[in-house]
Amino acid sequence: AAGSTLFELAGSQSTLAEHGLDRHWRNARVHTLHDPVRWKFHAIGNYYLNDTNPPLRGTI
């Protein structure tokens, strides 16, 4: 939603590196790919299989 709003406001030229907005596009992509549920399942599985304590209080 925020990425498409930025694209609507700035136009197609906003993707060019000379405007310096390309890093924001990359950051937006990273944030959309982060899946905290997957990491919680990983921590639970790591606890049961390897006896490794999960991270403290919501750091996933």
N, C-alpha and C. Protein backbone atom coordinates (compact mmCIF):
# COMPACT_ATOMS: atom_id res chain seq x y z
N ALA A 1 0.83 -1.19 0.00
CA ALA A 1 0.00 0.00 0.00
C ALA A 1 0.88 1.26 0.00
N ALA A 2 1.85 1.30 0.88
CA ALA A 2 2.71 2.49 0.95
C ALA A 2 3.58 2.60 -0.29
N GLY A 3 4.04 1.47 -0.79
CA GLY A 3 4.88 1.50 -1.99
C GLY A 3 4.12 2.00 -3.20
N SER A 4 2.87 1.55 -3.36
CA SER A 4 2.09 2.02 -4.50
C SER A 4 1.69 3.48 -4.34
N THR A 5 1.48 3.93 -3.10
CA THR A 5 1.18 5.34 -2.87
C THR A 5 2.38 6.20 -3.22
N LEU A 6 3.58 5.76 -2.82
CA LEU A 6 4.79 6.49 -3.17
C LEU A 6 4.97 6.56 -4.68
N PHE A 7 4.68 5.45 -5.34
CA PHE A 7 4.79 5.40 -6.80
C PHE A 7 3.79 6.35 -7.45
N GLU A 8 2.56 6.42 -6.90
CA GLU A 8 1.54 7.33 -7.44
C GLU A 8 1.96 8.79 -7.26
N LEU A 9 2.51 9.11 -6.10
CA LEU A 9 2.90 10.50 -5.82
C LEU A 9 4.12 10.94 -6.63
N ALA A 10 5.12 10.08 -6.70
CA ALA A 10 6.38 10.46 -7.33
C ALA A 10 6.44 10.13 -8.81
N GLY A 11 5.60 9.23 -9.28
CA GLY A 11 5.60 8.86 -10.69
C GLY A 11 6.65 7.81 -11.01
N SER A 12 6.67 7.40 -12.26
CA SER A 12 7.59 6.33 -12.66
C SER A 12 9.05 6.75 -12.60
N GLN A 13 9.33 8.05 -12.66
CA GLN A 13 10.70 8.54 -12.58
C GLN A 13 11.31 8.30 -11.19
N SER A 14 10.47 8.04 -10.19
CA SER A 14 10.98 7.86 -8.83
C SER A 14 11.83 6.61 -8.67
N THR A 15 11.74 5.70 -9.62
CA THR A 15 12.53 4.47 -9.53
C THR A 15 13.97 4.66 -10.00
N LEU A 16 14.27 5.78 -10.61
CA LEU A 16 15.63 6.03 -11.09
C LEU A 16 16.57 6.29 -9.91
N ALA A 17 17.78 5.78 -10.01
CA ALA A 17 18.76 5.92 -8.93
C ALA A 17 19.19 7.37 -8.72
N GLU A 18 19.11 8.19 -9.74
CA GLU A 18 19.56 9.58 -9.61
C GLU A 18 18.71 10.38 -8.62
N HIS A 19 17.49 9.94 -8.38
CA HIS A 19 16.63 10.64 -7.42
C HIS A 19 16.85 10.16 -5.99
N GLY A 20 17.57 9.07 -5.83
CA GLY A 20 17.89 8.56 -4.50
C GLY A 20 16.75 7.84 -3.79
N LEU A 21 15.68 7.55 -4.50
CA LEU A 21 14.56 6.85 -3.87
C LEU A 21 14.67 5.33 -4.01
N ASP A 22 15.65 4.86 -4.77
CA ASP A 22 15.77 3.42 -5.00
C ASP A 22 15.99 2.66 -3.70
N ARG A 23 16.69 3.25 -2.75
CA ARG A 23 16.92 2.55 -1.48
C ARG A 23 15.62 2.37 -0.72
N HIS A 24 14.68 3.32 -0.87
CA HIS A 24 13.39 3.18 -0.21
C HIS A 24 12.57 2.05 -0.83
N TRP A 25 12.69 1.90 -2.15
CA TRP A 25 12.00 0.79 -2.80
C TRP A 25 12.56 -0.54 -2.30
N ARG A 26 13.89 -0.62 -2.15
CA ARG A 26 14.50 -1.85 -1.65
C ARG A 26 14.09 -2.11 -0.21
N ASN A 27 14.08 -1.08 0.62
CA ASN A 27 13.67 -1.25 2.01
C ASN A 27 12.22 -1.71 2.10
N ALA A 28 11.36 -1.16 1.27
CA ALA A 28 9.96 -1.57 1.27
C ALA A 28 9.84 -3.04 0.90
N ARG A 29 10.64 -3.48 -0.05
CA ARG A 29 10.59 -4.89 -0.45
C ARG A 29 11.05 -5.78 0.69
N VAL A 30 12.09 -5.40 1.39
CA VAL A 30 12.59 -6.20 2.51
C VAL A 30 11.51 -6.33 3.58
N HIS A 31 10.83 -5.24 3.87
CA HIS A 31 9.80 -5.28 4.92
C HIS A 31 8.60 -6.12 4.51
N THR A 32 8.29 -6.17 3.23
CA THR A 32 7.17 -7.00 2.81
C THR A 32 7.54 -8.47 2.80
N LEU A 33 8.82 -8.79 2.71
CA LEU A 33 9.25 -10.19 2.69
C LEU A 33 9.46 -10.76 4.09
N HIS A 34 9.55 -9.92 5.09
CA HIS A 34 9.76 -10.40 6.45
C HIS A 34 8.50 -11.08 6.95
N ASP A 35 8.61 -12.33 7.39
CA ASP A 35 7.46 -13.10 7.85
C ASP A 35 7.70 -13.54 9.29
N PRO A 36 7.20 -12.79 10.29
CA PRO A 36 7.46 -13.13 11.68
C PRO A 36 6.87 -14.47 12.10
N VAL A 37 5.76 -14.89 11.49
CA VAL A 37 5.16 -16.17 11.86
C VAL A 37 6.10 -17.31 11.50
N ARG A 38 6.72 -17.21 10.34
CA ARG A 38 7.68 -18.25 9.93
C ARG A 38 8.83 -18.36 10.92
N TRP A 39 9.33 -17.21 11.41
CA TRP A 39 10.44 -17.24 12.36
C TRP A 39 10.00 -17.77 13.72
N LYS A 40 8.75 -17.57 14.09
CA LYS A 40 8.24 -18.14 15.35
C LYS A 40 8.19 -19.65 15.25
N PHE A 41 7.71 -20.18 14.12
CA PHE A 41 7.72 -21.62 13.92
C PHE A 41 9.15 -22.17 13.93
N HIS A 42 10.07 -21.42 13.37
CA HIS A 42 11.48 -21.83 13.37
C HIS A 42 12.01 -21.91 14.80
N ALA A 43 11.69 -20.92 15.62
CA ALA A 43 12.16 -20.91 17.01
C ALA A 43 11.57 -22.06 17.80
N ILE A 44 10.29 -22.36 17.57
CA ILE A 44 9.64 -23.47 18.27
C ILE A 44 10.27 -24.80 17.85
N GLY A 45 10.47 -24.98 16.55
CA GLY A 45 11.10 -26.20 16.06
C GLY A 45 12.52 -26.35 16.55
N ASN A 46 13.25 -25.26 16.60
CA ASN A 46 14.63 -25.29 17.09
C ASN A 46 14.66 -25.66 18.57
N TYR A 47 13.65 -25.23 19.31
CA TYR A 47 13.58 -25.57 20.74
C TYR A 47 13.33 -27.07 20.92
N TYR A 48 12.36 -27.61 20.18
CA TYR A 48 12.02 -29.02 20.35
C TYR A 48 13.07 -29.96 19.75
N LEU A 49 13.69 -29.58 18.66
CA LEU A 49 14.65 -30.46 18.01
C LEU A 49 16.07 -30.33 18.56
N ASN A 50 16.48 -29.11 18.90
CA ASN A 50 17.87 -28.87 19.29
C ASN A 50 18.03 -28.38 20.73
N ASP A 51 16.90 -28.29 21.45
CA ASP A 51 16.91 -27.83 22.84
C ASP A 51 17.55 -26.44 22.98
N THR A 52 17.30 -25.59 21.97
CA THR A 52 17.80 -24.21 21.98
C THR A 52 16.68 -23.29 22.44
N ASN A 53 16.94 -22.49 23.44
CA ASN A 53 15.90 -21.59 23.95
C ASN A 53 15.51 -20.57 22.89
N PRO A 54 14.20 -20.27 22.82
CA PRO A 54 13.75 -19.24 21.87
C PRO A 54 14.20 -17.86 22.31
N PRO A 55 14.20 -16.89 21.40
CA PRO A 55 14.59 -15.52 21.75
C PRO A 55 13.67 -14.95 22.83
N LEU A 56 14.19 -13.98 23.54
CA LEU A 56 13.41 -13.37 24.62
C LEU A 56 12.32 -12.45 24.08
N ARG A 57 11.20 -12.46 24.70
CA ARG A 57 10.06 -11.54 24.53
C ARG A 57 9.91 -10.83 23.20
N GLY A 58 9.45 -11.50 22.22
CA GLY A 58 9.05 -10.85 20.98
C GLY A 58 10.14 -10.24 20.14
N THR A 59 11.35 -10.75 20.23
CA THR A 59 12.42 -10.20 19.41
C THR A 59 12.43 -10.79 18.01
N ILE A 60 11.49 -11.66 17.73
CA ILE A 60 11.40 -12.25 16.39
C ILE A 60 10.74 -11.26 15.47
